[in-house]
């Protein structure tokens, strides 16, 4: 059971790594969204969503680098 869960987790991490590596523009697009949200006086929920997205990208990049 543990081995099956480990294999599934590894599969998803590999898929995420391919996706993250394939999206070179992700940091630029996130910065653009943040700039637009600031200019347009977006609701706080939008700012929290952008911060959450940035946190998740940073976290997954860290995990992938340290694999």
PDB file of N, CA and C in Angstrom:
ATOM      1  N   UNK A   1       0.836  -1.200   0.000  1.00  0.00           N
ATOM      2  CA  UNK A   1       0.000   0.000   0.000  1.00  0.00           C
ATOM      3  C   UNK A   1       0.875   1.257   0.000  1.00  0.00           C
ATOM      4  N   UNK A   2       1.888   1.300   0.875  1.00  0.00           N
ATOM      5  CA  UNK A   2       2.769   2.464   0.958  1.00  0.00           C
ATOM      6  C   UNK A   2       3.498   2.659  -0.364  1.00  0.00           C
ATOM      7  N   UNK A   3       3.969   1.552  -0.950  1.00  0.00           N
ATOM      8  CA  UNK A   3       4.674   1.655  -2.228  1.00  0.00           C
ATOM      9  C   UNK A   3       3.767   2.205  -3.324  1.00  0.00           C
ATOM     10  N   UNK A   4       2.517   1.790  -3.340  1.00  0.00           N
ATOM     11  CA  UNK A   4       1.574   2.284  -4.345  1.00  0.00           C
ATOM     12  C   UNK A   4       1.334   3.781  -4.172  1.00  0.00           C
ATOM     13  N   UNK A   5       1.190   4.238  -2.932  1.00  0.00           N
ATOM     14  CA  UNK A   5       0.991   5.662  -2.677  1.00  0.00           C
ATOM     15  C   UNK A   5       2.235   6.465  -3.066  1.00  0.00           C
ATOM     16  N   UNK A   6       3.403   5.911  -2.763  1.00  0.00           N
ATOM     17  CA  UNK A   6       4.654   6.586  -3.131  1.00  0.00           C
ATOM     18  C   UNK A   6       4.778   6.699  -4.649  1.00  0.00           C
ATOM     19  N   UNK A   7       4.439   5.628  -5.366  1.00  0.00           N
ATOM     20  CA  UNK A   7       4.501   5.652  -6.828  1.00  0.00           C
ATOM     21  C   UNK A   7       3.533   6.681  -7.404  1.00  0.00           C
ATOM     22  N   UNK A   8       2.342   6.749  -6.837  1.00  0.00           N
ATOM     23  CA  UNK A   8       1.364   7.721  -7.329  1.00  0.00           C
ATOM     24  C   UNK A   8       1.834   9.144  -7.049  1.00  0.00           C
ATOM     25  N   UNK A   9       2.372   9.395  -5.864  1.00  0.00           N
ATOM     26  CA  UNK A   9       2.884  10.727  -5.530  1.00  0.00           C
ATOM     27  C   UNK A   9       4.028  11.104  -6.466  1.00  0.00           C
ATOM     28  N   UNK A  10       4.909  10.157  -6.730  1.00  0.00           N
ATOM     29  CA  UNK A  10       6.027  10.416  -7.640  1.00  0.00           C
ATOM     30  C   UNK A  10       5.517  10.728  -9.048  1.00  0.00           C
ATOM     31  N   UNK A  11       4.514   9.989  -9.497  1.00  0.00           N
ATOM     32  CA  UNK A  11       3.939  10.231 -10.825  1.00  0.00           C
ATOM     33  C   UNK A  11       3.401  11.666 -10.922  1.00  0.00           C
ATOM     34  N   UNK A  12       2.663  12.103  -9.901  1.00  0.00           N
ATOM     35  CA  UNK A  12       2.096  13.444  -9.934  1.00  0.00           C
ATOM     36  C   UNK A  12       3.173  14.514  -9.853  1.00  0.00           C
ATOM     37  N   UNK A  13       4.216  14.270  -9.068  1.00  0.00           N
ATOM     38  CA  UNK A  13       5.319  15.225  -8.992  1.00  0.00           C
ATOM     39  C   UNK A  13       6.027  15.329 -10.339  1.00  0.00           C
ATOM     40  N   UNK A  14       6.222  14.198 -11.010  1.00  0.00           N
ATOM     41  CA  UNK A  14       6.848  14.224 -12.335  1.00  0.00           C
ATOM     42  C   UNK A  14       5.987  14.995 -13.327  1.00  0.00           C
ATOM     43  N   UNK A  15       4.687  14.760 -13.280  1.00  0.00           N
ATOM     44  CA  UNK A  15       3.787  15.497 -14.176  1.00  0.00           C
ATOM     45  C   UNK A  15       3.827  16.994 -13.887  1.00  0.00           C
ATOM     46  N   UNK A  16       3.817  17.347 -12.598  1.00  0.00           N
ATOM     47  CA  UNK A  16       3.864  18.760 -12.248  1.00  0.00           C
ATOM     48  C   UNK A  16       5.180  19.378 -12.688  1.00  0.00           C
ATOM     49  N   UNK A  17       6.282  18.642 -12.515  1.00  0.00           N
ATOM     50  CA  UNK A  17       7.595  19.143 -12.925  1.00  0.00           C
ATOM     51  C   UNK A  17       7.616  19.418 -14.426  1.00  0.00           C
ATOM     52  N   UNK A  18       7.056  18.520 -15.212  1.00  0.00           N
ATOM     53  CA  UNK A  18       7.003  18.738 -16.658  1.00  0.00           C
ATOM     54  C   UNK A  18       6.166  19.961 -16.993  1.00  0.00           C
ATOM     55  N   UNK A  19       5.050  20.116 -16.298  1.00  0.00           N
ATOM     56  CA  UNK A  19       4.186  21.275 -16.528  1.00  0.00           C
ATOM     57  C   UNK A  19       4.895  22.560 -16.135  1.00  0.00           C
ATOM     58  N   UNK A  20       5.506  22.569 -14.953  1.00  0.00           N
ATOM     59  CA  UNK A  20       6.180  23.772 -14.474  1.00  0.00           C
ATOM     60  C   UNK A  20       7.358  24.123 -15.370  1.00  0.00           C
ATOM     61  N   UNK A  21       8.127  23.119 -15.778  1.00  0.00           N
ATOM     62  CA  UNK A  21       9.264  23.370 -16.658  1.00  0.00           C
ATOM     63  C   UNK A  21       8.818  23.800 -18.048  1.00  0.00           C
ATOM     64  N   UNK A  22       7.642  23.344 -18.457  1.00  0.00           N
ATOM     65  CA  UNK A  22       7.138  23.698 -19.774  1.00  0.00           C
ATOM     66  C   UNK A  22       6.530  25.086 -19.841  1.00  0.00           C
ATOM     67  N   UNK A  23       6.264  25.694 -18.709  1.00  0.00           N
ATOM     68  CA  UNK A  23       5.622  27.007 -18.681  1.00  0.00           C
ATOM     69  C   UNK A  23       6.655  28.039 -18.228  1.00  0.00           C
ATOM     70  N   UNK A  24       7.468  28.455 -19.154  1.00  0.00           N
ATOM     71  CA  UNK A  24       8.521  29.409 -18.825  1.00  0.00           C
ATOM     72  C   UNK A  24       7.960  30.795 -18.491  1.00  0.00           C
ATOM     73  N   UNK A  25       6.782  31.089 -18.993  1.00  0.00           N
ATOM     74  CA  UNK A  25       6.195  32.418 -18.800  1.00  0.00           C
ATOM     75  C   UNK A  25       5.401  32.555 -17.508  1.00  0.00           C
ATOM     76  N   UNK A  26       5.302  31.498 -16.725  1.00  0.00           N
ATOM     77  CA  UNK A  26       4.448  31.547 -15.535  1.00  0.00           C
ATOM     78  C   UNK A  26       4.814  32.680 -14.578  1.00  0.00           C
ATOM     79  N   UNK A  27       6.090  32.872 -14.219  1.00  0.00           N
ATOM     80  CA  UNK A  27       6.406  34.003 -13.332  1.00  0.00           C
ATOM     81  C   UNK A  27       6.054  35.360 -13.947  1.00  0.00           C
ATOM     82  N   UNK A  28       6.281  35.500 -15.245  1.00  0.00           N
ATOM     83  CA  UNK A  28       5.952  36.759 -15.921  1.00  0.00           C
ATOM     84  C   UNK A  28       4.445  36.988 -15.930  1.00  0.00           C
ATOM     85  N   UNK A  29       3.689  35.946 -16.212  1.00  0.00           N
ATOM     86  CA  UNK A  29       2.234  36.075 -16.245  1.00  0.00           C
ATOM     87  C   UNK A  29       1.670  36.400 -14.858  1.00  0.00           C
ATOM     88  N   UNK A  30       2.252  35.795 -13.832  1.00  0.00           N
ATOM     89  CA  UNK A  30       1.799  36.091 -12.471  1.00  0.00           C
ATOM     90  C   UNK A  30       2.118  37.537 -12.095  1.00  0.00           C
ATOM     91  N   UNK A  31       3.303  38.016 -12.476  1.00  0.00           N
ATOM     92  CA  UNK A  31       3.672  39.413 -12.206  1.00  0.00           C
ATOM     93  C   UNK A  31       2.740  40.366 -12.950  1.00  0.00           C
ATOM     94  N   UNK A  32       2.371  40.001 -14.165  1.00  0.00           N
ATOM     95  CA  UNK A  32       1.444  40.826 -14.953  1.00  0.00           C
ATOM     96  C   UNK A  32       0.068  40.873 -14.282  1.00  0.00           C
ATOM     97  N   UNK A  33      -0.403  39.727 -13.812  1.00  0.00           N
ATOM     98  CA  UNK A  33      -1.704  39.681 -13.114  1.00  0.00           C
ATOM     99  C   UNK A  33      -1.665  40.539 -11.852  1.00  0.00           C
ATOM    100  N   UNK A  34      -0.546  40.466 -11.127  1.00  0.00           N
ATOM    101  CA  UNK A  34      -0.406  41.263  -9.909  1.00  0.00           C
ATOM    102  C   UNK A  34      -0.435  42.759 -10.233  1.00  0.00           C
ATOM    103  N   UNK A  35       0.278  43.161 -11.286  1.00  0.00           N
ATOM    104  CA  UNK A  35       0.308  44.569 -11.677  1.00  0.00           C
ATOM    105  C   UNK A  35      -1.081  45.054 -12.088  1.00  0.00           C
ATOM    106  N   UNK A  36      -1.789  44.240 -12.842  1.00  0.00           N
ATOM    107  CA  UNK A  36      -3.141  44.616 -13.267  1.00  0.00           C
ATOM    108  C   UNK A  36      -4.063  44.732 -12.060  1.00  0.00           C
ATOM    109  N   UNK A  37      -3.946  43.801 -11.116  1.00  0.00           N
ATOM    110  CA  UNK A  37      -4.790  43.836  -9.920  1.00  0.00           C
ATOM    111  C   UNK A  37      -4.526  45.095  -9.101  1.00  0.00           C
ATOM    112  N   UNK A  38      -3.270  45.534  -9.055  1.00  0.00           N
ATOM    113  CA  UNK A  38      -2.943  46.748  -8.306  1.00  0.00           C
ATOM    114  C   UNK A  38      -3.474  47.997  -8.997  1.00  0.00           C
ATOM    115  N   UNK A  39      -3.345  48.061 -10.315  1.00  0.00           N
ATOM    116  CA  UNK A  39      -3.805  49.224 -11.074  1.00  0.00           C
ATOM    117  C   UNK A  39      -5.327  49.331 -11.036  1.00  0.00           C
ATOM    118  N   UNK A  40      -5.995  48.209 -11.120  1.00  0.00           N
ATOM    119  CA  UNK A  40      -7.462  48.198 -11.185  1.00  0.00           C
ATOM    120  C   UNK A  40      -8.133  48.199  -9.819  1.00  0.00           C
ATOM    121  N   UNK A  41      -7.353  48.304  -8.768  1.00  0.00           N
ATOM    122  CA  UNK A  41      -7.910  48.258  -7.409  1.00  0.00           C
ATOM    123  C   UNK A  41      -8.791  47.031  -7.218  1.00  0.00           C
ATOM    124  N   UNK A  42      -8.214  45.875  -7.510  1.00  0.00           N
ATOM    125  CA  UNK A  42      -8.948  44.616  -7.398  1.00  0.00           C
ATOM    126  C   UNK A  42      -9.296  44.338  -5.938  1.00  0.00           C
ATOM    127  N   UNK A  43     -10.346  43.563  -5.715  1.00  0.00           N
ATOM    128  CA  UNK A  43     -10.725  43.195  -4.341  1.00  0.00           C
ATOM    129  C   UNK A  43      -9.595  42.427  -3.644  1.00  0.00           C
ATOM    130  N   UNK A  44      -9.609  42.442  -2.344  1.00  0.00           N
ATOM    131  CA  UNK A  44      -8.580  41.764  -1.548  1.00  0.00           C
ATOM    132  C   UNK A  44      -8.506  40.277  -1.879  1.00  0.00           C
ATOM    133  N   UNK A  45      -9.632  39.670  -2.219  1.00  0.00           N
ATOM    134  CA  UNK A  45      -9.639  38.249  -2.566  1.00  0.00           C
ATOM    135  C   UNK A  45      -8.737  37.953  -3.762  1.00  0.00           C
ATOM    136  N   UNK A  46      -8.700  38.869  -4.720  1.00  0.00           N
ATOM    137  CA  UNK A  46      -7.838  38.692  -5.898  1.00  0.00           C
ATOM    138  C   UNK A  46      -6.379  38.766  -5.482  1.00  0.00           C
ATOM    139  N   UNK A  47      -6.039  39.699  -4.637  1.00  0.00           N
ATOM    140  CA  UNK A  47      -4.664  39.815  -4.157  1.00  0.00           C
ATOM    141  C   UNK A  47      -4.249  38.571  -3.369  1.00  0.00           C
ATOM    142  N   UNK A  48      -5.163  38.033  -2.567  1.00  0.00           N
ATOM    143  CA  UNK A  48      -4.858  36.817  -1.817  1.00  0.00           C
ATOM    144  C   UNK A  48      -4.678  35.628  -2.754  1.00  0.00           C
ATOM    145  N   UNK A  49      -5.495  35.556  -3.797  1.00  0.00           N
ATOM    146  CA  UNK A  49      -5.364  34.476  -4.779  1.00  0.00           C
ATOM    147  C   UNK A  49      -4.009  34.554  -5.487  1.00  0.00           C
ATOM    148  N   UNK A  50      -3.607  35.740  -5.885  1.00  0.00           N
ATOM    149  CA  UNK A  50      -2.314  35.911  -6.549  1.00  0.00           C
ATOM    150  C   UNK A  50      -1.179  35.528  -5.597  1.00  0.00           C
ATOM    151  N   UNK A  51      -1.270  35.933  -4.348  1.00  0.00           N
ATOM    152  CA  UNK A  51      -0.247  35.568  -3.359  1.00  0.00           C
ATOM    153  C   UNK A  51      -0.208  34.060  -3.148  1.00  0.00           C
ATOM    154  N   UNK A  52      -1.375  33.446  -3.103  1.00  0.00           N
ATOM    155  CA  UNK A  52      -1.442  31.998  -2.941  1.00  0.00           C
ATOM    156  C   UNK A  52      -0.800  31.296  -4.136  1.00  0.00           C
ATOM    157  N   UNK A  53      -1.111  31.754  -5.332  1.00  0.00           N
ATOM    158  CA  UNK A  53      -0.519  31.164  -6.543  1.00  0.00           C
ATOM    159  C   UNK A  53       1.005  31.294  -6.512  1.00  0.00           C
ATOM    160  N   UNK A  54       1.490  32.457  -6.115  1.00  0.00           N
ATOM    161  CA  UNK A  54       2.935  32.665  -6.039  1.00  0.00           C
ATOM    162  C   UNK A  54       3.556  31.726  -5.014  1.00  0.00           C
ATOM    163  N   UNK A  55       2.900  31.585  -3.881  1.00  0.00           N
ATOM    164  CA  UNK A  55       3.398  30.685  -2.840  1.00  0.00           C
ATOM    165  C   UNK A  55       3.473  29.248  -3.354  1.00  0.00           C
ATOM    166  N   UNK A  56       2.432  28.790  -4.038  1.00  0.00           N
ATOM    167  CA  UNK A  56       2.409  27.420  -4.541  1.00  0.00           C
ATOM    168  C   UNK A  56       3.472  27.199  -5.617  1.00  0.00           C
ATOM    169  N   UNK A  57       3.664  28.160  -6.481  1.00  0.00           N
ATOM    170  CA  UNK A  57       4.708  28.043  -7.506  1.00  0.00           C
ATOM    171  C   UNK A  57       6.075  27.959  -6.848  1.00  0.00           C
ATOM    172  N   UNK A  58       6.313  28.818  -5.869  1.00  0.00           N
ATOM    173  CA  UNK A  58       7.595  28.800  -5.158  1.00  0.00           C
ATOM    174  C   UNK A  58       7.801  27.472  -4.427  1.00  0.00           C
ATOM    175  N   UNK A  59       6.763  26.991  -3.781  1.00  0.00           N
ATOM    176  CA  UNK A  59       6.853  25.735  -3.039  1.00  0.00           C
ATOM    177  C   UNK A  59       7.161  24.562  -3.973  1.00  0.00           C
ATOM    178  N   UNK A  60       6.437  24.456  -5.057  1.00  0.00           N
ATOM    179  CA  UNK A  60       6.657  23.348  -5.976  1.00  0.00           C
ATOM    180  C   UNK A  60       8.020  23.460  -6.661  1.00  0.00           C
ATOM    181  N   UNK A  61       8.448  24.648  -6.990  1.00  0.00           N
ATOM    182  CA  UNK A  61       9.779  24.824  -7.580  1.00  0.00           C
ATOM    183  C   UNK A  61      10.842  24.364  -6.587  1.00  0.00           C
ATOM    184  N   UNK A  62      10.654  24.687  -5.313  1.00  0.00           N
ATOM    185  CA  UNK A  62      11.601  24.253  -4.277  1.00  0.00           C
ATOM    186  C   UNK A  62      11.631  22.726  -4.166  1.00  0.00           C
ATOM    187  N   UNK A  63      10.467  22.113  -4.162  1.00  0.00           N
ATOM    188  CA  UNK A  63      10.386  20.654  -4.067  1.00  0.00           C
ATOM    189  C   UNK A  63      11.073  20.006  -5.268  1.00  0.00           C
ATOM    190  N   UNK A  64      10.821  20.534  -6.450  1.00  0.00           N
ATOM    191  CA  UNK A  64      11.409  19.959  -7.659  1.00  0.00           C
ATOM    192  C   UNK A  64      12.923  20.123  -7.665  1.00  0.00           C
ATOM    193  N   UNK A  65      13.411  21.274  -7.249  1.00  0.00           N
ATOM    194  CA  UNK A  65      14.866  21.512  -7.214  1.00  0.00           C
ATOM    195  C   UNK A  65      15.559  20.564  -6.242  1.00  0.00           C
ATOM    196  N   UNK A  66      14.882  20.205  -5.156  1.00  0.00           N
ATOM    197  CA  UNK A  66      15.505  19.397  -4.108  1.00  0.00           C
ATOM    198  C   UNK A  66      15.159  17.915  -4.199  1.00  0.00           C
ATOM    199  N   UNK A  67      14.647  17.466  -5.312  1.00  0.00           N
ATOM    200  CA  UNK A  67      14.297  16.053  -5.494  1.00  0.00           C
ATOM    201  C   UNK A  67      15.520  15.208  -5.605  1.00  0.00           C
TER     202      UNK A  67
END
